[in-house]
Amino acid sequence: MKKRRRGIYERYVKRALDVIISGSALIILSPLYVLLCILVRQKLGSPVFFCQERPGRYGKIFKMYKFRTMTDAKDKKGNLLPDKDRQTGFGQMLRRTSLDELPELYNIFKGDMSLIGPRPLLVKYLPYYTKEENIRHQVRPGLTGYAQVHGRNTCIWEKRFQYDREYVEHLSFLMDCKIIWTTIQKVWKGSDIVAPGVLEDFDEYRKKQYANTRR
């Protein structure tokens, strides 16, 4: 992927702010981390953290960490039940308040992610992006982003990627500040949240598009 020209804020300031803010937050919120670890272990099981590979900047794969929000309930054959059957009130609360995202501060501190940027999606989606959509991988993925404050995960895929592209093309300190402020408001209100398993996976969505164009 061809690297684009970056401004002073993106080249020097943004990463420094990520390290300072995420490092400070990890220390200040450590008592909350301990409490959540205990509650997640008691109510949802072990392991406490959900770890999954995601594509980062320039498509480099990294391991992203979150608090688990579902149980490991299985059927009589030992297969995991559907997502909707493994959800609990506590897990839904974690998602609604975005507390499940707190471990991603570690990813930010490491440099895998940024506070602001396109959300890191699944690795299996990589072959299905168009050239324009793939622009989202020219910056570090974020804890929150431009698409998240314009509908979060309720937007259709094309609209989400349009917002991601707009962010990459117009990235600035002022834009990041606006996204952070709007994110705080949305988290406080608990708006634009969809339960896991409701939205169609992007790879399946794109396969259907390909199939329709061949008819």
N, C-alpha and C. Protein backbone atom coordinates (compact mmCIF):
# COMPACT_ATOMS: atom_id res chain seq x y z
N MET A 1 0.84 -1.19 0.00
CA MET A 1 0.00 0.00 0.00
C MET A 1 0.88 1.25 0.00
N LYS A 2 0.60 2.16 -0.92
CA LYS A 2 1.39 3.38 -1.02
C LYS A 2 1.12 4.29 0.18
N LYS A 3 2.22 4.75 0.81
CA LYS A 3 2.09 5.60 1.98
C LYS A 3 1.77 7.03 1.57
N ARG A 4 0.87 7.65 2.29
CA ARG A 4 0.49 9.02 1.98
C ARG A 4 1.32 10.00 2.79
N ARG A 5 1.32 11.25 2.38
CA ARG A 5 2.06 12.28 3.10
C ARG A 5 1.31 12.65 4.37
N ARG A 6 2.02 12.69 5.49
CA ARG A 6 1.40 13.00 6.77
C ARG A 6 1.82 14.37 7.28
N GLY A 7 0.88 15.04 7.97
CA GLY A 7 1.17 16.36 8.52
C GLY A 7 1.93 16.26 9.83
N ILE A 8 2.32 17.41 10.37
CA ILE A 8 3.11 17.46 11.61
C ILE A 8 2.35 16.83 12.77
N TYR A 9 1.05 17.12 12.87
CA TYR A 9 0.27 16.56 13.98
C TYR A 9 0.28 15.04 13.93
N GLU A 10 0.04 14.47 12.76
CA GLU A 10 -0.02 13.02 12.64
C GLU A 10 1.36 12.39 12.82
N ARG A 11 2.39 13.05 12.35
CA ARG A 11 3.75 12.48 12.41
C ARG A 11 4.36 12.52 13.80
N TYR A 12 4.08 13.57 14.57
CA TYR A 12 4.78 13.75 15.84
C TYR A 12 3.86 13.85 17.07
N VAL A 13 2.78 14.61 16.95
CA VAL A 13 1.96 14.94 18.12
C VAL A 13 0.99 13.82 18.47
N LYS A 14 0.33 13.26 17.48
CA LYS A 14 -0.73 12.28 17.72
C LYS A 14 -0.23 11.07 18.51
N ARG A 15 0.90 10.51 18.11
CA ARG A 15 1.44 9.34 18.81
C ARG A 15 1.86 9.69 20.23
N ALA A 16 2.45 10.87 20.42
CA ALA A 16 2.86 11.30 21.75
C ALA A 16 1.65 11.41 22.67
N LEU A 17 0.57 11.97 22.16
CA LEU A 17 -0.65 12.09 22.96
C LEU A 17 -1.23 10.72 23.29
N ASP A 18 -1.16 9.80 22.33
CA ASP A 18 -1.64 8.44 22.57
C ASP A 18 -0.91 7.80 23.75
N VAL A 19 0.42 7.93 23.76
CA VAL A 19 1.23 7.32 24.81
C VAL A 19 0.93 7.95 26.16
N ILE A 20 0.88 9.28 26.20
CA ILE A 20 0.64 9.99 27.46
C ILE A 20 -0.74 9.68 28.03
N ILE A 21 -1.75 9.77 27.17
CA ILE A 21 -3.13 9.59 27.63
C ILE A 21 -3.40 8.13 28.00
N SER A 22 -2.99 7.19 27.14
CA SER A 22 -3.26 5.77 27.43
C SER A 22 -2.46 5.30 28.64
N GLY A 23 -1.19 5.75 28.75
CA GLY A 23 -0.38 5.35 29.90
C GLY A 23 -0.95 5.87 31.21
N SER A 24 -1.39 7.14 31.19
CA SER A 24 -1.99 7.73 32.39
C SER A 24 -3.29 7.03 32.74
N ALA A 25 -4.10 6.73 31.72
CA ALA A 25 -5.39 6.07 31.95
C ALA A 25 -5.20 4.68 32.53
N LEU A 26 -4.20 3.94 32.04
CA LEU A 26 -3.94 2.59 32.56
C LEU A 26 -3.61 2.62 34.05
N ILE A 27 -2.89 3.65 34.48
CA ILE A 27 -2.52 3.77 35.89
C ILE A 27 -3.72 4.22 36.73
N ILE A 28 -4.39 5.28 36.26
CA ILE A 28 -5.52 5.84 37.01
C ILE A 28 -6.67 4.85 37.12
N LEU A 29 -6.91 4.10 36.04
CA LEU A 29 -8.05 3.18 36.02
C LEU A 29 -7.71 1.77 36.51
N SER A 30 -6.51 1.58 37.01
CA SER A 30 -6.11 0.23 37.45
C SER A 30 -7.07 -0.38 38.48
N PRO A 31 -7.59 0.39 39.46
CA PRO A 31 -8.56 -0.22 40.38
C PRO A 31 -9.82 -0.70 39.66
N LEU A 32 -10.25 0.06 38.64
CA LEU A 32 -11.43 -0.34 37.86
C LEU A 32 -11.13 -1.61 37.07
N TYR A 33 -9.92 -1.71 36.53
CA TYR A 33 -9.53 -2.92 35.80
C TYR A 33 -9.62 -4.14 36.71
N VAL A 34 -9.11 -4.01 37.93
CA VAL A 34 -9.13 -5.14 38.87
C VAL A 34 -10.57 -5.54 39.18
N LEU A 35 -11.41 -4.56 39.44
CA LEU A 35 -12.82 -4.83 39.75
C LEU A 35 -13.51 -5.53 38.58
N LEU A 36 -13.28 -5.02 37.37
CA LEU A 36 -13.92 -5.61 36.19
C LEU A 36 -13.41 -7.02 35.94
N CYS A 37 -12.14 -7.25 36.18
CA CYS A 37 -11.59 -8.61 36.01
C CYS A 37 -12.29 -9.59 36.93
N ILE A 38 -12.52 -9.17 38.18
CA ILE A 38 -13.18 -10.04 39.16
C ILE A 38 -14.62 -10.31 38.73
N LEU A 39 -15.34 -9.25 38.34
CA LEU A 39 -16.74 -9.39 37.95
C LEU A 39 -16.90 -10.22 36.69
N VAL A 40 -16.05 -9.98 35.70
CA VAL A 40 -16.13 -10.74 34.45
C VAL A 40 -15.85 -12.21 34.72
N ARG A 41 -14.87 -12.49 35.57
CA ARG A 41 -14.55 -13.89 35.91
C ARG A 41 -15.73 -14.57 36.59
N GLN A 42 -16.39 -13.87 37.50
CA GLN A 42 -17.50 -14.45 38.25
C GLN A 42 -18.76 -14.63 37.39
N LYS A 43 -19.05 -13.63 36.55
CA LYS A 43 -20.32 -13.61 35.82
C LYS A 43 -20.26 -14.22 34.43
N LEU A 44 -19.09 -14.17 33.79
CA LEU A 44 -18.98 -14.62 32.41
C LEU A 44 -18.00 -15.77 32.20
N GLY A 45 -17.10 -15.96 33.15
CA GLY A 45 -16.16 -17.06 33.05
C GLY A 45 -14.76 -16.64 32.69
N SER A 46 -13.95 -17.63 32.37
CA SER A 46 -12.54 -17.43 32.05
C SER A 46 -12.27 -17.90 30.62
N PRO A 47 -11.33 -17.27 29.91
CA PRO A 47 -10.47 -16.16 30.33
C PRO A 47 -11.24 -14.84 30.41
N VAL A 48 -10.72 -13.92 31.20
CA VAL A 48 -11.37 -12.63 31.40
C VAL A 48 -11.29 -11.77 30.14
N PHE A 49 -10.17 -11.89 29.41
CA PHE A 49 -9.96 -11.06 28.23
C PHE A 49 -10.28 -11.81 26.95
N PHE A 50 -10.88 -11.08 26.02
CA PHE A 50 -11.13 -11.59 24.68
C PHE A 50 -10.00 -11.09 23.80
N CYS A 51 -9.28 -11.98 23.16
CA CYS A 51 -8.13 -11.62 22.34
C CYS A 51 -8.38 -12.08 20.90
N GLN A 52 -8.18 -11.20 19.95
CA GLN A 52 -8.44 -11.54 18.55
C GLN A 52 -7.49 -10.76 17.64
N GLU A 53 -7.03 -11.41 16.58
CA GLU A 53 -6.16 -10.74 15.63
C GLU A 53 -6.96 -9.76 14.77
N ARG A 54 -6.40 -8.57 14.59
CA ARG A 54 -7.02 -7.55 13.76
C ARG A 54 -5.95 -6.87 12.89
N PRO A 55 -6.33 -6.34 11.73
CA PRO A 55 -5.36 -5.62 10.90
C PRO A 55 -5.17 -4.19 11.41
N GLY A 56 -3.92 -3.79 11.53
CA GLY A 56 -3.61 -2.43 11.98
C GLY A 56 -3.15 -1.56 10.83
N ARG A 57 -2.27 -0.63 11.14
CA ARG A 57 -1.74 0.30 10.13
C ARG A 57 -1.00 -0.46 9.04
N TYR A 58 -1.32 -0.12 7.79
CA TYR A 58 -0.76 -0.79 6.61
C TYR A 58 -1.09 -2.28 6.58
N GLY A 59 -2.15 -2.67 7.29
CA GLY A 59 -2.60 -4.06 7.28
C GLY A 59 -1.81 -4.99 8.16
N LYS A 60 -0.89 -4.46 8.97
CA LYS A 60 -0.10 -5.31 9.87
C LYS A 60 -1.01 -5.91 10.95
N ILE A 61 -0.92 -7.22 11.13
CA ILE A 61 -1.80 -7.92 12.06
C ILE A 61 -1.28 -7.79 13.50
N PHE A 62 -2.19 -7.49 14.42
CA PHE A 62 -1.86 -7.41 15.84
C PHE A 62 -2.96 -8.07 16.65
N LYS A 63 -2.70 -8.32 17.92
CA LYS A 63 -3.69 -8.91 18.81
C LYS A 63 -4.38 -7.81 19.61
N MET A 64 -5.68 -7.72 19.46
CA MET A 64 -6.47 -6.70 20.16
C MET A 64 -7.13 -7.33 21.39
N TYR A 65 -7.14 -6.59 22.49
CA TYR A 65 -7.67 -7.11 23.75
C TYR A 65 -8.94 -6.35 24.17
N LYS A 66 -9.92 -7.11 24.65
CA LYS A 66 -11.15 -6.54 25.20
C LYS A 66 -11.57 -7.41 26.38
N PHE A 67 -12.47 -6.89 27.22
CA PHE A 67 -13.08 -7.74 28.23
C PHE A 67 -14.13 -8.60 27.53
N ARG A 68 -14.22 -9.85 27.91
CA ARG A 68 -15.23 -10.70 27.32
C ARG A 68 -16.61 -10.22 27.72
N THR A 69 -17.59 -10.37 26.83
CA THR A 69 -18.95 -9.91 27.11
C THR A 69 -19.98 -11.04 26.95
N MET A 70 -19.51 -12.25 26.65
CA MET A 70 -20.42 -13.39 26.51
C MET A 70 -19.87 -14.60 27.26
N THR A 71 -20.75 -15.50 27.60
CA THR A 71 -20.34 -16.74 28.27
C THR A 71 -19.87 -17.76 27.22
N ASP A 72 -19.41 -18.90 27.69
CA ASP A 72 -19.02 -19.99 26.80
C ASP A 72 -20.07 -21.10 26.83
N ALA A 73 -21.33 -20.73 26.97
CA ALA A 73 -22.42 -21.71 27.03
C ALA A 73 -22.43 -22.57 25.75
N LYS A 74 -22.57 -23.90 25.93
CA LYS A 74 -22.53 -24.82 24.80
C LYS A 74 -23.77 -25.71 24.78
N ASP A 75 -24.03 -26.28 23.62
CA ASP A 75 -25.15 -27.21 23.51
C ASP A 75 -24.72 -28.60 23.97
N LYS A 76 -25.59 -29.59 23.85
CA LYS A 76 -25.30 -30.93 24.33
C LYS A 76 -24.15 -31.59 23.57
N LYS A 77 -23.86 -31.11 22.37
CA LYS A 77 -22.78 -31.68 21.56
C LYS A 77 -21.45 -30.98 21.81
N GLY A 78 -21.48 -29.96 22.69
CA GLY A 78 -20.24 -29.25 23.00
C GLY A 78 -19.95 -28.08 22.09
N ASN A 79 -20.92 -27.72 21.25
CA ASN A 79 -20.74 -26.57 20.36
C ASN A 79 -21.22 -25.29 21.04
N LEU A 80 -20.52 -24.19 20.80
CA LEU A 80 -20.94 -22.91 21.36
C LEU A 80 -22.33 -22.53 20.86
N LEU A 81 -23.15 -22.02 21.76
CA LEU A 81 -24.48 -21.56 21.38
C LEU A 81 -24.35 -20.27 20.57
N PRO A 82 -25.40 -19.89 19.82
CA PRO A 82 -25.37 -18.62 19.08
C PRO A 82 -25.10 -17.44 20.02
N ASP A 83 -24.55 -16.36 19.47
CA ASP A 83 -24.19 -15.18 20.29
C ASP A 83 -25.35 -14.72 21.17
N LYS A 84 -26.55 -14.66 20.60
CA LYS A 84 -27.69 -14.13 21.35
C LYS A 84 -28.01 -14.98 22.59
N ASP A 85 -27.65 -16.27 22.55
CA ASP A 85 -27.92 -17.15 23.68
C ASP A 85 -26.80 -17.13 24.72
N ARG A 86 -25.70 -16.49 24.39
CA ARG A 86 -24.57 -16.41 25.33
C ARG A 86 -24.43 -15.03 25.96
N GLN A 87 -25.35 -14.13 25.60
CA GLN A 87 -25.33 -12.79 26.17
C GLN A 87 -26.00 -12.78 27.54
N THR A 88 -25.51 -11.92 28.40
CA THR A 88 -26.09 -11.73 29.73
C THR A 88 -26.32 -10.24 29.95
N GLY A 89 -27.08 -9.92 30.98
CA GLY A 89 -27.31 -8.52 31.30
C GLY A 89 -26.01 -7.79 31.62
N PHE A 90 -25.12 -8.48 32.32
CA PHE A 90 -23.84 -7.87 32.66
C PHE A 90 -23.01 -7.62 31.42
N GLY A 91 -22.96 -8.59 30.51
CA GLY A 91 -22.20 -8.42 29.28
C GLY A 91 -22.75 -7.29 28.42
N GLN A 92 -24.08 -7.18 28.37
CA GLN A 92 -24.70 -6.10 27.60
C GLN A 92 -24.38 -4.75 28.22
N MET A 93 -24.29 -4.70 29.55
CA MET A 93 -23.93 -3.46 30.23
C MET A 93 -22.51 -3.05 29.87
N LEU A 94 -21.60 -4.02 29.81
CA LEU A 94 -20.22 -3.72 29.43
C LEU A 94 -20.16 -3.11 28.04
N ARG A 95 -20.93 -3.67 27.12
CA ARG A 95 -20.95 -3.14 25.75
C ARG A 95 -21.61 -1.78 25.70
N ARG A 96 -22.73 -1.63 26.41
CA ARG A 96 -23.48 -0.38 26.36
C ARG A 96 -22.66 0.79 26.89
N THR A 97 -21.87 0.54 27.92
CA THR A 97 -21.03 1.59 28.51
C THR A 97 -19.63 1.65 27.91
N SER A 98 -19.34 0.72 26.98
CA SER A 98 -18.02 0.61 26.33
C SER A 98 -16.90 0.24 27.31
N LEU A 99 -17.26 -0.27 28.49
CA LEU A 99 -16.23 -0.71 29.44
C LEU A 99 -15.45 -1.91 28.90
N ASP A 100 -16.08 -2.68 28.00
CA ASP A 100 -15.38 -3.83 27.42
C ASP A 100 -14.18 -3.41 26.57
N GLU A 101 -14.17 -2.13 26.14
CA GLU A 101 -13.10 -1.63 25.28
C GLU A 101 -11.86 -1.18 26.07
N LEU A 102 -11.95 -1.09 27.39
CA LEU A 102 -10.85 -0.53 28.18
C LEU A 102 -9.50 -1.22 27.96
N PRO A 103 -9.44 -2.56 27.80
CA PRO A 103 -8.13 -3.18 27.58
C PRO A 103 -7.42 -2.70 26.32
N GLU A 104 -8.15 -2.09 25.40
CA GLU A 104 -7.52 -1.59 24.19
C GLU A 104 -6.58 -0.42 24.48
N LEU A 105 -6.66 0.15 25.67
CA LEU A 105 -5.69 1.18 26.06
C LEU A 105 -4.27 0.61 26.04
N TYR A 106 -4.16 -0.68 26.34
CA TYR A 106 -2.86 -1.35 26.28
C TYR A 106 -2.36 -1.41 24.83
N ASN A 107 -3.28 -1.71 23.90
CA ASN A 107 -2.92 -1.71 22.48
C ASN A 107 -2.48 -0.34 22.01
N ILE A 108 -3.12 0.70 22.55
CA ILE A 108 -2.76 2.07 22.19
C ILE A 108 -1.37 2.40 22.72
N PHE A 109 -1.12 2.04 23.96
CA PHE A 109 0.18 2.32 24.57
C PHE A 109 1.30 1.61 23.81
N LYS A 110 1.04 0.38 23.36
CA LYS A 110 2.02 -0.40 22.61
C LYS A 110 2.30 0.19 21.23
N GLY A 111 1.30 0.87 20.66
CA GLY A 111 1.46 1.42 19.32
C GLY A 111 0.69 0.67 18.26
N ASP A 112 -0.08 -0.36 18.65
CA ASP A 112 -0.91 -1.09 17.70
C ASP A 112 -2.08 -0.24 17.24
N MET A 113 -2.57 0.61 18.16
CA MET A 113 -3.76 1.41 17.90
C MET A 113 -3.52 2.86 18.30
N SER A 114 -4.52 3.68 18.03
CA SER A 114 -4.52 5.08 18.44
C SER A 114 -5.83 5.35 19.18
N LEU A 115 -5.89 6.44 19.91
CA LEU A 115 -7.16 6.79 20.55
C LEU A 115 -8.24 7.03 19.50
N ILE A 116 -7.85 7.69 18.40
CA ILE A 116 -8.80 8.02 17.34
C ILE A 116 -8.35 7.40 16.03
N GLY A 117 -9.26 6.76 15.33
CA GLY A 117 -8.95 6.17 14.03
C GLY A 117 -10.06 5.22 13.63
N PRO A 118 -10.01 4.68 12.42
CA PRO A 118 -11.02 3.69 12.00
C PRO A 118 -10.97 2.47 12.91
N ARG A 119 -12.10 1.93 13.27
CA ARG A 119 -12.12 0.76 14.14
C ARG A 119 -11.46 -0.42 13.46
N PRO A 120 -10.63 -1.21 14.20
CA PRO A 120 -10.01 -2.40 13.61
C PRO A 120 -11.05 -3.49 13.41
N LEU A 121 -11.23 -3.93 12.19
CA LEU A 121 -12.22 -4.95 11.87
C LEU A 121 -11.55 -6.32 11.76
N LEU A 122 -12.28 -7.31 11.29
CA LEU A 122 -11.76 -8.67 11.25
C LEU A 122 -10.75 -8.87 10.12
N VAL A 123 -9.79 -9.76 10.36
CA VAL A 123 -8.77 -10.06 9.36
C VAL A 123 -9.41 -10.66 8.10
N LYS A 124 -10.46 -11.45 8.28
CA LYS A 124 -11.09 -12.11 7.14
C LYS A 124 -11.74 -11.12 6.17
N TYR A 125 -11.90 -9.86 6.58
CA TYR A 125 -12.48 -8.87 5.69
C TYR A 125 -11.48 -8.33 4.66
N LEU A 126 -10.19 -8.49 4.92
CA LEU A 126 -9.16 -7.84 4.12
C LEU A 126 -9.29 -8.05 2.61
N PRO A 127 -9.61 -9.26 2.12
CA PRO A 127 -9.68 -9.45 0.67
C PRO A 127 -10.88 -8.76 0.01
N TYR A 128 -11.80 -8.23 0.79
CA TYR A 128 -13.05 -7.73 0.23
C TYR A 128 -13.14 -6.21 0.15
N TYR A 129 -12.11 -5.50 0.60
CA TYR A 129 -12.13 -4.05 0.51
C TYR A 129 -11.83 -3.60 -0.92
N THR A 130 -12.47 -2.53 -1.35
CA THR A 130 -12.08 -1.90 -2.60
C THR A 130 -10.83 -1.06 -2.32
N LYS A 131 -10.21 -0.53 -3.36
CA LYS A 131 -9.01 0.29 -3.20
C LYS A 131 -9.31 1.50 -2.33
N GLU A 132 -10.47 2.12 -2.55
CA GLU A 132 -10.85 3.31 -1.77
C GLU A 132 -11.12 2.94 -0.32
N GLU A 133 -11.78 1.80 -0.09
CA GLU A 133 -12.08 1.38 1.28
C GLU A 133 -10.82 1.02 2.05
N ASN A 134 -9.82 0.50 1.34
CA ASN A 134 -8.59 0.06 1.98
C ASN A 134 -7.76 1.23 2.50
N ILE A 135 -8.12 2.45 2.13
CA ILE A 135 -7.43 3.64 2.63
C ILE A 135 -7.51 3.72 4.15
N ARG A 136 -8.53 3.12 4.72
CA ARG A 136 -8.71 3.14 6.18
C ARG A 136 -7.50 2.55 6.91
N HIS A 137 -6.71 1.72 6.23
CA HIS A 137 -5.56 1.09 6.86
C HIS A 137 -4.28 1.91 6.75
N GLN A 138 -4.38 3.14 6.29
CA GLN A 138 -3.20 3.99 6.19
C GLN A 138 -2.91 4.72 7.50
N VAL A 139 -3.78 4.57 8.47
CA VAL A 139 -3.55 5.13 9.80
C VAL A 139 -3.76 4.03 10.84
N ARG A 140 -3.30 4.26 12.06
CA ARG A 140 -3.54 3.28 13.12
C ARG A 140 -5.04 3.20 13.41
N PRO A 141 -5.57 2.01 13.64
CA PRO A 141 -6.97 1.89 14.02
C PRO A 141 -7.19 2.52 15.39
N GLY A 142 -8.43 2.91 15.67
CA GLY A 142 -8.69 3.66 16.89
C GLY A 142 -9.65 3.01 17.87
N LEU A 143 -9.59 3.49 19.10
CA LEU A 143 -10.54 3.10 20.13
C LEU A 143 -11.92 3.63 19.77
N THR A 144 -11.94 4.81 19.16
CA THR A 144 -13.15 5.38 18.60
C THR A 144 -12.75 6.08 17.30
N GLY A 145 -13.74 6.46 16.52
CA GLY A 145 -13.41 7.06 15.24
C GLY A 145 -14.55 7.88 14.65
N TYR A 146 -14.29 8.41 13.47
CA TYR A 146 -15.25 9.28 12.79
C TYR A 146 -16.54 8.53 12.46
N ALA A 147 -16.42 7.26 12.04
CA ALA A 147 -17.61 6.48 11.73
C ALA A 147 -18.42 6.19 12.99
N GLN A 148 -17.73 5.99 14.11
CA GLN A 148 -18.41 5.67 15.37
C GLN A 148 -19.27 6.82 15.87
N VAL A 149 -18.86 8.05 15.63
CA VAL A 149 -19.65 9.19 16.10
C VAL A 149 -20.71 9.59 15.07
N HIS A 150 -20.76 8.87 13.94
CA HIS A 150 -21.80 9.11 12.93
C HIS A 150 -22.64 7.85 12.74
N GLY A 151 -23.01 7.24 13.85
CA GLY A 151 -23.88 6.08 13.77
C GLY A 151 -23.31 4.83 14.38
N ARG A 152 -22.01 4.91 14.76
CA ARG A 152 -21.36 3.78 15.39
C ARG A 152 -21.55 2.52 14.54
N ASN A 153 -21.98 1.38 15.10
CA ASN A 153 -22.12 0.18 14.28
C ASN A 153 -23.54 -0.01 13.75
N THR A 154 -24.29 1.09 13.61
CA THR A 154 -25.62 1.01 13.00
C THR A 154 -25.58 1.43 11.54
N CYS A 155 -24.45 1.97 11.06
CA CYS A 155 -24.31 2.40 9.68
C CYS A 155 -24.14 1.20 8.74
N ILE A 156 -24.60 1.36 7.50
CA ILE A 156 -24.31 0.33 6.50
C ILE A 156 -22.82 0.38 6.20
N TRP A 157 -22.29 -0.71 5.67
CA TRP A 157 -20.85 -0.83 5.49
C TRP A 157 -20.26 0.30 4.62
N GLU A 158 -20.89 0.59 3.49
CA GLU A 158 -20.34 1.61 2.60
C GLU A 158 -20.24 2.96 3.28
N LYS A 159 -21.23 3.28 4.10
CA LYS A 159 -21.23 4.57 4.80
C LYS A 159 -20.13 4.61 5.84
N ARG A 160 -19.93 3.51 6.55
CA ARG A 160 -18.86 3.45 7.55
C ARG A 160 -17.50 3.67 6.90
N PHE A 161 -17.28 3.03 5.76
CA PHE A 161 -15.99 3.16 5.08
C PHE A 161 -15.82 4.56 4.48
N GLN A 162 -16.92 5.18 4.11
CA GLN A 162 -16.85 6.56 3.62
C GLN A 162 -16.38 7.48 4.73
N TYR A 163 -16.92 7.30 5.92
CA TYR A 163 -16.48 8.10 7.07
C TYR A 163 -15.01 7.83 7.40
N ASP A 164 -14.60 6.57 7.31
CA ASP A 164 -13.19 6.23 7.58
C ASP A 164 -12.27 6.93 6.58
N ARG A 165 -12.66 6.93 5.32
CA ARG A 165 -11.85 7.58 4.29
C ARG A 165 -11.77 9.09 4.52
N GLU A 166 -12.90 9.68 4.90
CA GLU A 166 -12.91 11.12 5.17
C GLU A 166 -11.98 11.46 6.33
N TYR A 167 -11.94 10.57 7.33
CA TYR A 167 -11.07 10.82 8.47
C TYR A 167 -9.60 10.79 8.04
N VAL A 168 -9.23 9.76 7.29
CA VAL A 168 -7.83 9.63 6.85
C VAL A 168 -7.42 10.85 6.00
N GLU A 169 -8.31 11.30 5.15
CA GLU A 169 -8.00 12.40 4.25
C GLU A 169 -7.97 13.76 4.93
N HIS A 170 -8.66 13.90 6.06
CA HIS A 170 -8.76 15.20 6.73
C HIS A 170 -8.29 15.16 8.18
N LEU A 171 -7.48 14.18 8.52
CA LEU A 171 -7.00 14.00 9.89
C LEU A 171 -6.34 15.27 10.42
N SER A 172 -6.77 15.70 11.61
CA SER A 172 -6.21 16.90 12.24
C SER A 172 -6.46 16.85 13.74
N PHE A 173 -5.76 17.71 14.47
CA PHE A 173 -5.94 17.78 15.92
C PHE A 173 -7.37 18.20 16.27
N LEU A 174 -7.90 19.18 15.55
CA LEU A 174 -9.26 19.66 15.81
C LEU A 174 -10.28 18.56 15.55
N MET A 175 -10.07 17.81 14.49
CA MET A 175 -11.00 16.72 14.16
C MET A 175 -10.97 15.66 15.25
N ASP A 176 -9.80 15.31 15.75
CA ASP A 176 -9.68 14.33 16.83
C ASP A 176 -10.38 14.81 18.09
N CYS A 177 -10.23 16.09 18.40
CA CYS A 177 -10.89 16.65 19.59
C CYS A 177 -12.40 16.56 19.48
N LYS A 178 -12.93 16.86 18.30
CA LYS A 178 -14.38 16.78 18.08
C LYS A 178 -14.88 15.35 18.22
N ILE A 179 -14.09 14.39 17.70
CA ILE A 179 -14.50 12.99 17.78
C ILE A 179 -14.51 12.51 19.23
N ILE A 180 -13.50 12.89 20.00
CA ILE A 180 -13.44 12.50 21.41
C ILE A 180 -14.64 13.05 22.18
N TRP A 181 -14.95 14.32 21.96
CA TRP A 181 -16.07 14.96 22.67
C TRP A 181 -17.40 14.29 22.30
N THR A 182 -17.60 14.01 21.01
CA THR A 182 -18.84 13.38 20.57
C THR A 182 -18.93 11.94 21.08
N THR A 183 -17.79 11.26 21.14
CA THR A 183 -17.76 9.89 21.66
C THR A 183 -18.20 9.86 23.12
N ILE A 184 -17.70 10.79 23.93
CA ILE A 184 -18.07 10.87 25.33
C ILE A 184 -19.57 11.05 25.48
N GLN A 185 -20.14 11.92 24.64
CA GLN A 185 -21.59 12.15 24.69
C GLN A 185 -22.37 10.89 24.33
N LYS A 186 -21.92 10.17 23.29
CA LYS A 186 -22.64 8.97 22.85
C LYS A 186 -22.53 7.84 23.86
N VAL A 187 -21.35 7.69 24.46
CA VAL A 187 -21.17 6.65 25.48
C VAL A 187 -22.05 6.95 26.69
N TRP A 188 -22.10 8.22 27.06
CA TRP A 188 -22.92 8.63 28.21
C TRP A 188 -24.40 8.33 27.96
N LYS A 189 -24.85 8.55 26.72
CA LYS A 189 -26.25 8.32 26.37
C LYS A 189 -26.51 6.85 26.01
N GLY A 190 -25.42 6.11 25.71
CA GLY A 190 -25.58 4.71 25.31
C GLY A 190 -26.26 4.57 23.97
N SER A 191 -25.98 5.49 23.04
CA SER A 191 -26.68 5.49 21.75
C SER A 191 -25.90 4.76 20.67
N ASP A 192 -26.62 4.34 19.61
CA ASP A 192 -26.04 3.73 18.41
C ASP A 192 -25.29 2.43 18.69
N ILE A 193 -25.83 1.60 19.57
CA ILE A 193 -25.18 0.33 19.88
C ILE A 193 -26.06 -0.82 19.38
N VAL A 194 -25.43 -1.74 18.68
CA VAL A 194 -26.14 -2.91 18.18
C VAL A 194 -25.52 -4.15 18.80
N ALA A 195 -26.34 -5.06 19.23
CA ALA A 195 -25.83 -6.29 19.87
C ALA A 195 -25.06 -7.12 18.86
N PRO A 196 -24.07 -7.90 19.32
CA PRO A 196 -23.30 -8.75 18.42
C PRO A 196 -24.20 -9.74 17.71
N GLY A 197 -23.90 -9.98 16.42
CA GLY A 197 -24.68 -10.93 15.66
C GLY A 197 -25.86 -10.30 14.93
N VAL A 198 -26.14 -9.02 15.14
CA VAL A 198 -27.27 -8.36 14.49
C VAL A 198 -26.88 -7.91 13.08
N LEU A 199 -25.72 -7.27 12.95
CA LEU A 199 -25.27 -6.81 11.66
C LEU A 199 -24.58 -7.94 10.89
N GLU A 200 -24.80 -7.96 9.58
CA GLU A 200 -24.18 -8.98 8.74
C GLU A 200 -22.69 -8.76 8.61
N ASP A 201 -21.91 -9.85 8.68
CA ASP A 201 -20.46 -9.74 8.50
C ASP A 201 -20.16 -9.15 7.14
N PHE A 202 -19.10 -8.32 7.09
CA PHE A 202 -18.78 -7.61 5.85
C PHE A 202 -18.43 -8.56 4.72
N ASP A 203 -17.71 -9.64 5.01
CA ASP A 203 -17.33 -10.56 3.94
C ASP A 203 -18.56 -11.21 3.31
N GLU A 204 -19.55 -11.59 4.14
CA GLU A 204 -20.78 -12.16 3.60
C GLU A 204 -21.57 -11.12 2.82
N TYR A 205 -21.59 -9.91 3.35
CA TYR A 205 -22.29 -8.80 2.69
C TYR A 205 -21.69 -8.54 1.31
N ARG A 206 -20.35 -8.52 1.21
CA ARG A 206 -19.70 -8.24 -0.06
C ARG A 206 -19.85 -9.41 -1.04
N LYS A 207 -19.84 -10.65 -0.54
CA LYS A 207 -20.04 -11.81 -1.40
C LYS A 207 -21.41 -11.75 -2.08
N LYS A 208 -22.42 -11.33 -1.32
CA LYS A 208 -23.76 -11.21 -1.89
C LYS A 208 -23.80 -10.14 -2.96
N GLN A 209 -23.06 -9.04 -2.74
CA GLN A 209 -22.98 -8.00 -3.74
C GLN A 209 -22.36 -8.52 -5.03
N TYR A 210 -21.26 -9.29 -4.88
CA TYR A 210 -20.60 -9.87 -6.05
C TYR A 210 -21.55 -10.80 -6.80
N ALA A 211 -22.27 -11.60 -6.04
CA ALA A 211 -23.19 -12.57 -6.66
C ALA A 211 -24.30 -11.84 -7.43
N ASN A 212 -24.79 -10.74 -6.86
CA ASN A 212 -25.87 -9.99 -7.53
C ASN A 212 -25.40 -9.33 -8.82
N THR A 213 -24.14 -8.89 -8.85
CA THR A 213 -23.62 -8.22 -10.04
C THR A 213 -23.37 -9.20 -11.18
N ARG A 214 -23.23 -10.48 -10.86
CA ARG A 214 -22.98 -11.49 -11.89
C ARG A 214 -24.27 -11.98 -12.54
N ARG A 215 -25.40 -11.66 -11.95
CA ARG A 215 -26.68 -12.15 -12.49
C ARG A 215 -27.06 -11.38 -13.75
